[in-house]
N, C-alpha and C. Protein backbone atom coordinates (compact mmCIF):
# COMPACT_ATOMS: atom_id res chain seq x y z
N MET A 1 -3.11 -5.01 33.46
CA MET A 1 -1.93 -4.97 33.96
C MET A 1 -0.81 -4.82 33.07
N GLY A 2 -0.02 -6.46 32.42
CA GLY A 2 0.73 -6.46 31.48
C GLY A 2 1.96 -7.04 31.61
N LEU A 3 2.66 -7.32 30.80
CA LEU A 3 3.88 -7.78 30.65
C LEU A 3 5.04 -6.44 31.57
N ASP A 4 4.58 -5.25 30.69
CA ASP A 4 5.93 -3.94 31.53
C ASP A 4 5.69 -3.80 32.82
N ASP A 5 3.83 -3.56 33.28
CA ASP A 5 3.71 -3.51 34.30
C ASP A 5 4.58 -4.67 35.72
N ILE A 6 4.58 -6.00 34.93
CA ILE A 6 5.11 -6.76 36.15
C ILE A 6 6.49 -6.60 35.89
N ARG A 7 7.01 -6.45 34.83
CA ARG A 7 8.59 -6.13 35.08
C ARG A 7 8.73 -5.08 35.85
N ARG A 8 7.95 -3.87 35.79
CA ARG A 8 8.57 -2.71 36.96
C ARG A 8 8.27 -3.37 38.33
N ARG A 9 7.23 -4.18 38.49
CA ARG A 9 7.03 -4.48 39.68
C ARG A 9 8.06 -5.33 40.39
N ILE A 10 8.65 -6.20 39.80
CA ILE A 10 10.25 -7.16 39.84
C ILE A 10 10.95 -6.05 40.18
N ARG A 11 11.15 -5.28 39.18
CA ARG A 11 12.38 -4.69 39.45
C ARG A 11 12.36 -3.46 40.86
N ALA A 12 10.96 -3.09 41.25
CA ALA A 12 10.71 -2.66 42.33
C ALA A 12 11.00 -3.12 43.30
N ALA A 13 10.45 -4.81 43.44
CA ALA A 13 10.61 -5.57 44.56
C ALA A 13 12.12 -6.06 44.71
N GLU A 14 12.75 -6.44 43.64
CA GLU A 14 14.63 -6.70 44.00
C GLU A 14 15.04 -5.60 44.59
N GLN A 15 14.68 -4.37 44.30
CA GLN A 15 15.51 -2.95 45.02
C GLN A 15 15.26 -3.04 45.94
N GLN A 16 13.77 -3.05 46.64
CA GLN A 16 13.46 -2.74 48.05
C GLN A 16 14.17 -4.12 48.79
N ALA A 17 14.22 -5.36 47.95
CA ALA A 17 14.62 -6.47 48.94
C ALA A 17 16.22 -6.23 48.71
N GLY A 18 16.64 -5.36 47.99
CA GLY A 18 18.15 -5.14 48.75
C GLY A 18 18.76 -5.95 47.39
N ARG A 19 18.48 -6.37 46.39
CA ARG A 19 19.04 -7.48 45.53
C ARG A 19 19.14 -6.57 43.85
N ALA A 20 20.13 -7.85 43.49
CA ALA A 20 20.91 -7.19 42.56
C ALA A 20 19.93 -7.44 41.33
N PRO A 21 19.33 -6.34 40.55
CA PRO A 21 18.76 -6.18 39.11
C PRO A 21 18.70 -7.20 38.01
N GLY A 22 17.60 -7.89 37.76
CA GLY A 22 17.47 -8.81 37.63
C GLY A 22 18.26 -10.34 37.69
N SER A 23 17.66 -10.40 39.20
CA SER A 23 18.38 -11.90 40.17
C SER A 23 17.23 -12.42 39.86
N VAL A 24 15.73 -11.75 39.29
CA VAL A 24 14.77 -12.42 39.30
C VAL A 24 14.25 -13.00 38.17
N THR A 25 13.96 -14.57 37.83
CA THR A 25 13.92 -14.76 35.91
C THR A 25 12.07 -14.95 36.47
N LEU A 26 11.10 -13.88 35.37
CA LEU A 26 10.24 -13.78 35.49
C LEU A 26 9.14 -15.13 34.48
N ILE A 27 9.32 -15.95 34.84
CA ILE A 27 8.27 -17.32 34.07
C ILE A 27 6.99 -16.75 33.76
N ALA A 28 6.56 -16.35 32.28
CA ALA A 28 5.32 -16.03 32.18
C ALA A 28 4.98 -17.09 32.03
N VAL A 29 3.84 -17.08 32.44
CA VAL A 29 2.79 -18.56 32.22
C VAL A 29 1.79 -18.73 31.09
N SER A 30 1.86 -19.48 30.12
CA SER A 30 1.09 -19.49 29.03
C SER A 30 0.57 -20.47 29.10
N LYS A 31 0.49 -21.32 29.66
CA LYS A 31 -0.70 -22.37 29.67
C LYS A 31 -1.98 -22.00 29.09
N VAL A 32 -2.86 -22.85 28.42
CA VAL A 32 -4.30 -22.77 27.90
C VAL A 32 -4.19 -21.04 27.45
N GLN A 33 -3.59 -20.12 26.83
CA GLN A 33 -3.80 -19.28 26.68
C GLN A 33 -3.18 -18.62 24.75
N PRO A 34 -4.46 -18.11 24.34
CA PRO A 34 -4.25 -18.04 22.91
C PRO A 34 -3.20 -18.24 22.22
N ALA A 35 -2.72 -18.07 21.09
CA ALA A 35 -1.65 -17.73 20.13
C ALA A 35 -1.48 -15.75 20.04
N ALA A 36 -2.78 -15.55 20.00
CA ALA A 36 -2.12 -13.86 19.96
C ALA A 36 -1.76 -13.59 21.37
N ARG A 37 -1.96 -14.09 22.11
CA ARG A 37 -1.70 -13.48 23.36
C ARG A 37 -0.16 -14.22 23.36
N VAL A 38 0.09 -15.36 23.35
CA VAL A 38 1.58 -15.30 23.48
C VAL A 38 2.25 -14.78 22.82
N GLN A 39 1.96 -14.54 21.39
CA GLN A 39 2.82 -14.11 20.26
C GLN A 39 3.08 -12.37 21.02
N ALA A 40 1.85 -11.55 21.48
CA ALA A 40 2.03 -10.02 21.78
C ALA A 40 3.12 -10.44 22.55
N VAL A 41 3.52 -11.73 23.31
CA VAL A 41 4.71 -11.37 25.10
C VAL A 41 6.24 -11.64 24.19
N LEU A 42 5.55 -12.57 23.36
CA LEU A 42 6.97 -12.71 22.63
C LEU A 42 7.57 -11.39 21.73
N ASP A 43 6.68 -10.66 21.21
CA ASP A 43 6.87 -9.10 20.39
C ASP A 43 7.47 -8.35 21.18
N GLN A 44 7.29 -8.69 22.77
CA GLN A 44 7.93 -7.51 23.38
C GLN A 44 9.58 -7.87 24.01
N GLY A 45 9.37 -8.65 23.74
CA GLY A 45 10.78 -9.54 23.68
C GLY A 45 11.01 -10.54 25.23
N HIS A 46 9.85 -11.40 25.78
CA HIS A 46 10.05 -11.74 26.81
C HIS A 46 10.33 -13.36 26.10
N ARG A 47 10.96 -13.93 26.99
CA ARG A 47 11.84 -15.01 26.51
C ARG A 47 11.15 -16.58 27.37
N VAL A 48 11.27 -16.19 28.58
CA VAL A 48 10.73 -17.26 29.39
C VAL A 48 9.65 -17.77 29.66
N PHE A 49 8.86 -18.83 29.31
CA PHE A 49 7.44 -19.24 29.58
C PHE A 49 7.32 -20.85 30.07
N GLY A 50 6.38 -20.68 31.05
CA GLY A 50 5.64 -21.82 31.83
C GLY A 50 4.81 -22.68 31.32
N GLU A 51 4.70 -23.72 30.93
CA GLU A 51 3.50 -24.50 30.54
C GLU A 51 3.47 -25.57 31.89
N ASN A 52 2.06 -26.28 31.60
CA ASN A 52 1.49 -27.02 32.62
C ASN A 52 1.37 -28.33 31.73
N TYR A 53 1.31 -28.43 30.42
CA TYR A 53 0.74 -29.63 29.97
C TYR A 53 2.26 -30.49 28.66
N VAL A 54 2.58 -31.44 28.78
CA VAL A 54 3.25 -31.68 27.49
C VAL A 54 3.32 -31.73 26.48
N GLN A 55 1.34 -32.05 26.19
CA GLN A 55 0.73 -32.63 25.00
C GLN A 55 0.69 -31.11 24.32
N GLU A 56 0.15 -30.16 25.23
CA GLU A 56 0.10 -28.62 24.43
C GLU A 56 1.14 -28.22 24.36
N THR A 57 2.50 -28.33 24.73
CA THR A 57 3.38 -27.71 24.81
C THR A 57 3.91 -28.37 23.40
N GLN A 58 4.01 -29.72 23.31
CA GLN A 58 4.37 -30.16 21.83
C GLN A 58 3.27 -29.49 20.87
N GLY A 59 2.45 -29.38 20.93
CA GLY A 59 1.89 -28.31 20.33
C GLY A 59 2.14 -27.11 19.14
N LYS A 60 2.13 -26.60 20.33
CA LYS A 60 1.93 -24.53 20.19
C LYS A 60 3.78 -24.12 19.71
N TRP A 61 4.69 -25.01 20.71
CA TRP A 61 5.97 -24.28 20.63
C TRP A 61 6.95 -24.90 19.77
N PRO A 62 6.88 -25.82 19.18
CA PRO A 62 8.24 -26.14 18.38
C PRO A 62 8.13 -24.71 17.06
N ALA A 63 6.99 -24.38 16.21
CA ALA A 63 7.28 -23.26 15.10
C ALA A 63 7.76 -22.07 16.13
N TRP A 64 7.46 -21.84 17.15
CA TRP A 64 7.89 -20.41 17.46
C TRP A 64 9.49 -21.04 17.99
N ARG A 65 9.60 -21.87 18.67
CA ARG A 65 11.63 -21.74 19.13
C ARG A 65 12.12 -21.73 17.83
N VAL A 66 11.65 -22.27 16.62
CA VAL A 66 12.32 -21.96 15.42
C VAL A 66 12.75 -20.66 15.20
N ARG A 67 11.44 -19.81 15.28
CA ARG A 67 11.36 -18.33 15.16
C ARG A 67 12.20 -17.67 16.01
N TYR A 68 11.94 -18.30 17.21
CA TYR A 68 12.82 -17.58 18.76
C TYR A 68 13.93 -18.72 19.44
N PRO A 69 14.64 -19.05 18.56
CA PRO A 69 15.58 -20.04 19.56
C PRO A 69 15.95 -19.89 21.25
N ASP A 70 16.17 -18.59 21.32
CA ASP A 70 16.51 -18.34 22.72
C ASP A 70 15.16 -18.15 23.72
N VAL A 71 14.16 -18.98 23.21
CA VAL A 71 12.89 -19.15 24.24
C VAL A 71 13.35 -20.28 25.15
N SER A 72 13.33 -20.25 26.38
CA SER A 72 13.47 -20.93 27.55
C SER A 72 12.02 -21.62 28.05
N LEU A 73 11.72 -22.84 27.81
CA LEU A 73 10.41 -23.48 28.12
C LEU A 73 10.28 -24.01 29.64
N HIS A 74 9.73 -23.71 30.76
CA HIS A 74 9.41 -24.53 31.86
C HIS A 74 8.35 -25.11 32.35
N MET A 75 8.45 -26.29 32.25
CA MET A 75 7.48 -27.12 33.24
C MET A 75 6.86 -27.03 34.27
N ILE A 76 5.80 -26.87 34.34
CA ILE A 76 5.47 -26.09 36.18
C ILE A 76 4.47 -26.52 36.00
N GLY A 77 3.46 -27.72 35.68
CA GLY A 77 2.77 -28.62 36.22
C GLY A 77 3.40 -29.94 36.25
N PRO A 78 1.66 -30.40 37.02
CA PRO A 78 2.45 -32.19 37.33
C PRO A 78 2.89 -32.80 35.95
N LEU A 79 3.71 -33.54 36.01
CA LEU A 79 4.45 -34.24 35.57
C LEU A 79 4.42 -35.83 35.40
N GLN A 80 3.71 -36.56 34.60
CA GLN A 80 3.48 -37.94 34.49
C GLN A 80 4.86 -38.52 34.01
N SER A 81 4.51 -39.69 34.83
CA SER A 81 5.91 -40.34 34.38
C SER A 81 5.75 -40.99 32.86
N ASN A 82 4.76 -41.15 32.46
CA ASN A 82 4.81 -41.49 30.61
C ASN A 82 4.97 -40.57 30.11
N LYS A 83 5.63 -39.15 30.36
CA LYS A 83 5.55 -38.47 29.60
C LYS A 83 6.79 -37.53 29.68
N THR A 84 7.45 -38.82 30.48
CA THR A 84 9.27 -38.28 30.76
C THR A 84 9.52 -37.69 29.65
N ARG A 85 9.77 -38.97 28.69
CA ARG A 85 10.85 -38.53 27.95
C ARG A 85 10.41 -37.68 26.87
N ALA A 86 9.28 -37.11 27.20
CA ALA A 86 8.91 -36.35 25.49
C ALA A 86 9.33 -34.28 26.83
N ALA A 87 8.92 -34.83 27.83
CA ALA A 87 9.48 -33.28 28.86
C ALA A 87 10.69 -33.49 28.51
N VAL A 88 11.36 -34.12 28.91
CA VAL A 88 13.25 -34.22 28.89
C VAL A 88 13.84 -33.48 27.33
N GLY A 89 12.95 -33.30 26.33
CA GLY A 89 13.15 -33.40 25.11
C GLY A 89 12.71 -31.87 25.08
N LEU A 90 11.54 -31.57 25.59
CA LEU A 90 10.64 -30.47 25.26
C LEU A 90 11.46 -28.84 26.32
N PHE A 91 11.53 -29.24 27.19
CA PHE A 91 11.49 -28.31 28.48
C PHE A 91 13.30 -28.00 28.53
N ASP A 92 13.42 -26.56 28.79
CA ASP A 92 14.66 -25.98 30.05
C ASP A 92 15.09 -26.13 30.99
N ALA A 93 13.75 -26.32 32.10
CA ALA A 93 13.63 -26.53 33.09
C ALA A 93 12.27 -27.28 33.62
N ILE A 94 12.54 -28.52 34.81
CA ILE A 94 11.39 -29.08 35.06
C ILE A 94 11.09 -28.43 36.65
N HIS A 95 10.13 -27.63 37.34
CA HIS A 95 9.55 -27.60 38.72
C HIS A 95 9.03 -28.61 39.58
N THR A 96 9.12 -29.91 38.56
CA THR A 96 7.83 -30.45 39.48
C THR A 96 8.33 -31.87 39.76
N LEU A 97 9.14 -31.88 40.40
CA LEU A 97 10.05 -33.16 40.56
C LEU A 97 9.52 -33.45 41.96
N ASP A 98 8.42 -34.39 41.89
CA ASP A 98 7.68 -34.69 43.69
C ASP A 98 7.92 -36.38 43.93
N ARG A 99 8.79 -37.54 42.90
CA ARG A 99 8.57 -38.33 43.71
C ARG A 99 9.25 -39.16 42.92
N MET A 100 9.96 -40.36 43.75
CA MET A 100 11.26 -41.16 43.32
C MET A 100 10.48 -41.72 42.02
N THR A 101 9.44 -42.50 41.76
CA THR A 101 9.13 -42.74 40.59
C THR A 101 9.55 -41.97 39.16
N LEU A 102 9.33 -40.93 39.51
CA LEU A 102 9.64 -39.58 38.49
C LEU A 102 10.92 -39.43 38.60
N ALA A 103 11.60 -39.19 39.54
CA ALA A 103 13.17 -39.18 39.23
C ALA A 103 13.98 -40.39 38.52
N ARG A 104 13.45 -41.17 38.87
CA ARG A 104 13.59 -42.44 38.07
C ARG A 104 13.83 -42.64 36.34
N LYS A 105 13.10 -42.08 36.28
CA LYS A 105 11.97 -42.02 34.65
C LYS A 105 13.15 -40.81 34.19
N LEU A 106 13.17 -39.85 34.80
CA LEU A 106 13.98 -38.27 34.25
C LEU A 106 15.52 -38.85 34.39
N ALA A 107 16.03 -40.20 34.96
CA ALA A 107 17.29 -40.17 35.33
C ALA A 107 17.66 -41.04 33.75
N GLN A 108 16.44 -41.87 33.59
CA GLN A 108 16.57 -43.08 32.64
C GLN A 108 16.61 -41.68 31.37
N HIS A 109 15.75 -41.14 31.04
CA HIS A 109 15.74 -40.14 29.61
C HIS A 109 17.00 -38.89 29.62
N CYS A 110 17.06 -38.98 30.42
CA CYS A 110 17.95 -38.13 31.03
C CYS A 110 19.40 -38.63 29.83
N ALA A 111 19.59 -39.76 30.92
CA ALA A 111 20.98 -40.35 30.41
C ALA A 111 20.60 -40.43 28.54
N GLU A 112 19.70 -41.18 28.03
CA GLU A 112 19.12 -41.44 26.83
C GLU A 112 19.46 -40.40 25.77
N GLN A 113 19.21 -39.05 26.20
CA GLN A 113 19.11 -37.91 25.71
C GLN A 113 20.21 -37.14 25.20
N GLY A 114 21.10 -37.50 26.41
CA GLY A 114 22.47 -36.61 26.81
C GLY A 114 22.08 -35.18 27.13
N ARG A 115 20.84 -34.90 28.05
CA ARG A 115 20.61 -33.67 28.51
C ARG A 115 19.57 -33.59 29.85
N GLN A 116 20.13 -32.52 30.68
CA GLN A 116 19.41 -33.00 31.97
C GLN A 116 18.73 -30.90 32.06
N PRO A 117 17.19 -30.97 31.71
CA PRO A 117 16.61 -29.57 32.42
C PRO A 117 16.85 -29.38 33.81
N GLN A 118 17.38 -28.27 34.16
CA GLN A 118 17.15 -27.46 35.43
C GLN A 118 16.01 -28.28 35.89
N LEU A 119 17.02 -29.22 37.08
CA LEU A 119 15.63 -29.39 37.87
C LEU A 119 15.33 -28.60 39.43
N PHE A 120 13.61 -28.64 39.39
CA PHE A 120 13.52 -28.22 40.84
C PHE A 120 12.42 -29.23 41.41
N VAL A 121 13.05 -29.49 42.74
CA VAL A 121 12.15 -30.47 43.81
C VAL A 121 11.00 -29.59 44.37
N GLN A 122 9.72 -30.27 43.91
CA GLN A 122 8.60 -29.53 44.66
C GLN A 122 8.47 -29.21 46.06
N VAL A 123 8.15 -28.92 46.70
CA VAL A 123 8.20 -29.27 48.37
C VAL A 123 6.44 -29.04 48.74
N ASN A 124 5.98 -30.24 49.35
CA ASN A 124 4.46 -29.49 49.79
C ASN A 124 5.14 -28.89 51.20
N THR A 125 5.18 -27.66 51.32
CA THR A 125 5.26 -27.19 52.39
C THR A 125 4.05 -27.06 53.18
N GLY A 126 2.96 -26.88 52.65
CA GLY A 126 1.70 -27.23 53.97
C GLY A 126 1.53 -28.62 54.21
N ASP A 127 2.19 -29.93 54.04
CA ASP A 127 1.96 -30.71 54.28
C ASP A 127 -0.03 -31.21 54.07
N GLU A 128 0.00 -31.17 52.66
CA GLU A 128 -1.51 -31.12 51.92
C GLU A 128 -1.67 -32.39 51.62
N PRO A 129 -2.36 -33.18 52.41
CA PRO A 129 -2.29 -34.67 51.44
C PRO A 129 -2.56 -34.46 50.29
N GLN A 130 -3.99 -33.96 50.11
CA GLN A 130 -4.38 -33.75 48.27
C GLN A 130 -3.42 -32.93 47.50
N LYS A 131 -1.79 -32.63 47.66
CA LYS A 131 -1.39 -32.04 46.80
C LYS A 131 -0.19 -32.50 46.80
N ALA A 132 0.38 -32.51 45.50
CA ALA A 132 1.95 -33.53 45.35
C ALA A 132 2.93 -32.77 46.10
N GLY A 133 4.13 -33.20 46.04
CA GLY A 133 5.48 -32.49 46.52
C GLY A 133 5.89 -33.56 47.68
N ILE A 134 7.45 -33.56 47.66
CA ILE A 134 7.76 -33.79 48.89
C ILE A 134 7.63 -33.29 50.12
N LEU A 135 7.25 -34.06 51.32
CA LEU A 135 7.58 -33.21 52.23
C LEU A 135 8.57 -32.70 53.16
N ALA A 136 8.69 -32.03 54.01
CA ALA A 136 9.81 -31.06 54.40
C ALA A 136 11.03 -32.02 55.49
N ASP A 137 10.51 -32.91 55.89
CA ASP A 137 11.28 -33.78 56.39
C ASP A 137 12.22 -35.07 55.93
N GLU A 138 11.40 -34.91 54.54
CA GLU A 138 11.72 -36.02 53.29
C GLU A 138 12.45 -35.79 52.65
N LEU A 139 12.89 -34.54 52.42
CA LEU A 139 13.47 -33.73 51.65
C LEU A 139 15.04 -34.09 51.40
N PRO A 140 16.02 -34.30 52.78
CA PRO A 140 17.57 -34.64 52.52
C PRO A 140 17.68 -35.80 51.79
N GLY A 141 16.50 -37.02 52.28
CA GLY A 141 16.68 -38.19 51.62
C GLY A 141 16.62 -38.32 50.08
N PHE A 142 15.44 -37.30 49.53
CA PHE A 142 15.43 -37.39 48.81
C PHE A 142 16.67 -36.92 47.45
N LEU A 143 16.83 -35.95 48.19
CA LEU A 143 18.05 -35.47 46.93
C LEU A 143 18.92 -36.20 47.08
N ARG A 144 19.37 -36.83 48.17
CA ARG A 144 20.42 -38.08 48.31
C ARG A 144 19.79 -39.22 46.90
N GLN A 145 19.13 -39.66 47.20
CA GLN A 145 18.68 -40.42 45.90
C GLN A 145 18.63 -39.90 44.48
N CYS A 146 18.09 -38.72 44.34
CA CYS A 146 18.15 -38.16 43.33
C CYS A 146 19.62 -38.31 42.69
N ARG A 147 20.60 -37.62 43.48
CA ARG A 147 21.69 -37.93 42.90
C ARG A 147 22.54 -38.91 43.03
N ASP A 148 22.25 -40.02 44.05
CA ASP A 148 22.40 -41.24 43.36
C ASP A 148 22.29 -41.90 42.22
N LEU A 149 21.17 -41.53 41.60
CA LEU A 149 20.47 -41.24 39.90
C LEU A 149 21.31 -40.18 38.93
N GLY A 150 22.23 -39.85 39.58
CA GLY A 150 22.87 -38.93 37.94
C GLY A 150 21.83 -37.70 38.06
N LEU A 151 20.87 -37.43 38.81
CA LEU A 151 19.85 -35.93 38.80
C LEU A 151 20.76 -35.24 39.54
N SER A 152 20.70 -33.86 38.82
CA SER A 152 21.50 -32.81 39.91
C SER A 152 20.20 -31.72 40.05
N PRO A 153 19.42 -31.89 41.02
CA PRO A 153 18.52 -31.08 41.76
C PRO A 153 19.22 -29.35 41.74
N GLU A 154 18.63 -28.43 41.60
CA GLU A 154 19.27 -26.66 41.87
C GLU A 154 18.44 -25.96 42.27
N GLY A 155 17.21 -26.78 42.57
CA GLY A 155 16.47 -25.58 43.37
C GLY A 155 15.00 -26.05 43.90
N LEU A 156 14.08 -25.71 44.57
CA LEU A 156 12.94 -25.71 44.82
C LEU A 156 11.77 -25.25 44.36
N MET A 157 10.76 -25.84 44.78
CA MET A 157 9.46 -24.87 44.20
C MET A 157 8.72 -25.32 45.06
N CYS A 158 7.68 -24.67 45.53
CA CYS A 158 5.97 -24.60 46.51
C CYS A 158 5.27 -23.86 45.82
N ILE A 159 3.95 -24.58 45.84
CA ILE A 159 2.59 -23.95 45.85
C ILE A 159 2.00 -23.27 47.11
N PRO A 160 1.95 -22.31 47.92
CA PRO A 160 1.54 -22.20 49.26
C PRO A 160 -0.21 -22.59 49.10
N PRO A 161 -0.67 -23.27 50.56
CA PRO A 161 -1.99 -23.86 50.21
C PRO A 161 -2.65 -22.67 50.07
N GLU A 162 -3.80 -22.48 49.33
CA GLU A 162 -4.87 -21.26 48.55
C GLU A 162 -5.51 -21.00 50.35
N GLY A 163 -5.27 -19.81 49.84
CA GLY A 163 -6.28 -18.81 51.15
C GLY A 163 -5.53 -18.79 52.30
N LEU A 164 -4.42 -18.94 52.40
CA LEU A 164 -3.30 -18.57 53.54
C LEU A 164 -2.40 -17.89 53.28
N ASP A 165 -1.83 -17.16 54.35
CA ASP A 165 -0.54 -16.86 54.23
C ASP A 165 0.21 -16.95 53.40
N PRO A 166 1.07 -17.01 52.42
CA PRO A 166 2.34 -17.76 51.40
C PRO A 166 2.98 -17.35 52.42
N LEU A 167 3.20 -16.41 53.22
CA LEU A 167 4.72 -15.94 53.95
C LEU A 167 5.54 -17.36 54.37
N PRO A 168 4.87 -17.92 55.41
CA PRO A 168 5.80 -18.83 56.26
C PRO A 168 6.07 -19.68 55.52
N HIS A 169 5.14 -19.96 54.06
CA HIS A 169 6.07 -21.20 53.39
C HIS A 169 6.69 -20.76 52.27
N PHE A 170 6.87 -19.50 52.48
CA PHE A 170 8.30 -19.05 50.91
C PHE A 170 9.55 -19.51 52.30
N ARG A 171 9.18 -18.87 53.62
CA ARG A 171 10.59 -18.98 54.48
C ARG A 171 10.78 -20.18 54.94
N LEU A 172 9.81 -20.77 54.83
CA LEU A 172 10.52 -22.12 55.09
C LEU A 172 10.81 -23.06 53.90
N LEU A 173 10.63 -23.02 52.56
CA LEU A 173 11.30 -22.73 51.67
C LEU A 173 12.77 -22.26 51.34
N ARG A 174 12.54 -21.49 51.54
CA ARG A 174 14.04 -20.83 51.62
C ARG A 174 15.08 -21.31 52.68
N ARG A 175 14.61 -21.50 54.29
CA ARG A 175 15.48 -22.22 54.41
C ARG A 175 15.83 -23.91 53.97
N LEU A 176 15.08 -24.43 53.65
CA LEU A 176 14.75 -25.96 53.03
C LEU A 176 16.16 -25.35 52.14
N ALA A 177 16.62 -24.84 51.23
CA ALA A 177 17.06 -24.48 50.25
C ALA A 177 18.62 -24.32 50.53
N GLN A 178 18.70 -23.64 51.61
CA GLN A 178 19.99 -23.46 52.38
C GLN A 178 20.77 -24.20 52.85
N ASP A 179 19.87 -24.78 53.59
CA ASP A 179 20.08 -26.24 54.45
C ASP A 179 20.65 -27.47 53.71
N ASN A 180 20.05 -27.79 52.56
CA ASN A 180 20.75 -28.55 51.62
C ASN A 180 21.26 -28.03 50.04
N GLY A 181 21.82 -26.87 50.23
CA GLY A 181 22.77 -26.35 49.23
C GLY A 181 22.27 -25.96 47.84
N LEU A 182 21.16 -25.87 48.01
CA LEU A 182 20.27 -25.32 46.72
C LEU A 182 20.21 -23.77 46.49
N ALA A 183 20.75 -22.92 45.00
CA ALA A 183 20.66 -22.21 45.08
C ALA A 183 19.36 -21.14 44.71
N LEU A 184 18.19 -22.33 43.89
CA LEU A 184 17.19 -21.07 43.19
C LEU A 184 15.82 -21.65 44.03
N LEU A 185 15.03 -20.86 43.85
CA LEU A 185 13.79 -21.15 44.68
C LEU A 185 12.58 -20.50 43.13
N SER A 186 11.53 -21.61 43.09
CA SER A 186 10.61 -21.39 42.57
C SER A 186 9.12 -20.90 43.08
N MET A 187 9.29 -19.77 43.75
CA MET A 187 7.88 -19.15 44.62
C MET A 187 7.13 -18.21 43.92
N GLY A 188 5.71 -18.08 44.21
CA GLY A 188 5.45 -16.58 43.90
C GLY A 188 4.58 -16.61 42.79
N MET A 189 3.36 -15.99 42.51
CA MET A 189 2.57 -16.42 40.90
C MET A 189 2.39 -14.84 41.58
N SER A 190 0.97 -14.75 40.38
CA SER A 190 0.44 -13.25 40.54
C SER A 190 0.05 -12.76 41.61
N ALA A 191 -0.37 -13.52 42.86
CA ALA A 191 -1.11 -12.39 43.53
C ALA A 191 -0.13 -12.43 45.00
N ASP A 192 1.22 -12.92 44.48
CA ASP A 192 2.01 -13.15 46.08
C ASP A 192 3.76 -12.61 45.35
N PHE A 193 3.84 -12.45 44.29
CA PHE A 193 5.34 -12.55 43.82
C PHE A 193 5.89 -11.94 44.50
N GLU A 194 5.58 -10.75 44.97
CA GLU A 194 6.88 -9.76 45.48
C GLU A 194 7.23 -10.22 46.64
N THR A 195 5.83 -10.50 47.82
CA THR A 195 6.75 -11.40 48.71
C THR A 195 7.05 -12.21 48.73
N ALA A 196 7.39 -13.16 47.68
CA ALA A 196 8.59 -14.38 47.29
C ALA A 196 9.49 -13.30 46.88
N ILE A 197 9.54 -12.46 46.15
CA ILE A 197 11.00 -11.86 45.67
C ILE A 197 11.53 -11.87 47.40
N ALA A 198 10.97 -11.02 48.14
CA ALA A 198 11.29 -10.33 49.58
C ALA A 198 11.92 -11.61 49.88
N GLU A 199 11.51 -12.72 50.17
CA GLU A 199 11.85 -13.59 50.69
C GLU A 199 12.72 -14.43 49.66
N GLY A 200 13.23 -13.93 48.51
CA GLY A 200 14.80 -14.87 48.03
C GLY A 200 14.42 -15.76 46.91
N ALA A 201 12.77 -15.35 46.09
CA ALA A 201 12.43 -16.52 45.20
C ALA A 201 13.49 -15.90 44.10
N THR A 202 13.92 -16.70 43.07
CA THR A 202 14.57 -16.30 41.81
C THR A 202 13.97 -17.00 40.67
N HIS A 203 13.17 -17.46 41.11
CA HIS A 203 12.22 -17.64 39.99
C HIS A 203 10.49 -17.56 40.15
N VAL A 204 9.70 -16.42 39.32
CA VAL A 204 8.13 -15.98 39.71
C VAL A 204 7.51 -16.38 38.62
N ARG A 205 6.35 -17.13 38.75
CA ARG A 205 5.70 -17.68 37.98
C ARG A 205 4.47 -16.89 38.03
N VAL A 206 4.05 -16.13 36.55
CA VAL A 206 3.23 -15.50 36.85
C VAL A 206 2.24 -15.47 35.34
N GLY A 207 0.86 -15.45 35.31
CA GLY A 207 0.42 -16.46 34.28
C GLY A 207 -1.02 -14.82 33.82
N SER A 208 -1.82 -15.06 34.60
CA SER A 208 -2.92 -14.25 34.43
C SER A 208 -2.96 -12.66 34.27
N ALA A 209 -1.83 -12.09 35.04
CA ALA A 209 -1.39 -10.72 35.47
C ALA A 209 -0.62 -10.24 34.22
N ILE A 210 -0.13 -11.01 33.48
CA ILE A 210 -0.06 -10.55 32.07
C ILE A 210 -0.58 -10.98 31.36
N PHE A 211 -1.25 -12.29 31.04
CA PHE A 211 -1.74 -12.53 29.91
C PHE A 211 -3.53 -12.41 29.73
N GLY A 212 -3.66 -12.31 31.10
CA GLY A 212 -5.14 -11.85 31.21
C GLY A 212 -5.91 -13.54 31.82
N ALA A 213 -7.54 -13.27 32.02
CA ALA A 213 -7.83 -14.26 32.40
C ALA A 213 -7.94 -15.98 31.57
N ARG A 214 -7.67 -16.76 32.10
CA ARG A 214 -7.70 -17.99 31.01
C ARG A 214 -9.25 -18.66 30.61
N ASP A 215 -9.30 -18.81 29.33
CA ASP A 215 -10.50 -19.49 28.53
C ASP A 215 -10.44 -20.68 28.44
N TYR A 216 -11.07 -21.90 29.72
CA TYR A 216 -10.70 -22.85 29.73
C TYR A 216 -11.68 -23.39 28.50
N GLY A 217 -12.58 -22.92 28.24
CA GLY A 217 -13.83 -22.94 27.29
C GLY A 217 -14.94 -24.53 28.02
């Protein structure tokens, strides 16, 4: 597959959904990918990347950001509270705001650093006990508390239950965003991003379909 193919498929999905060209941001998920593969995608002009781990991001991105100052880094993995200070400085967007303790830490470090990454609240659309995220019926109250802290969430993110049809989850996330006045939807990955685009995704997270399978060694 590769980047060019994913770009074509995104444009086709936008067109089929009657959406404006370029209305969907492709996040190339570069976690645990070899430097040569990431460099190849940078060489093709792509500039929006997703990472899961603060420590990995600290180790691999500073030099690239000097060479490519227009790179935008998105935190798409679980964020530990003790990594919040570093994350605020590293990332342009955080997609995994999923609990009030993290919101308080983010508010503290955003104030200290004078910057706030774009924030997405992670919603547990499948009500899965083992998965992070705010439950749908708790979302309005959580958003109010975040705003009271000085945070400004702009969107929602979900990871549908594995092995199930993602469509109901994408539709739920879209309705929740509309009901709460949020414009951005981070949903859809390599296997289902076209379905997500049809349901209004503004950001899709695609890794293996661009870079190839990950080798966790």
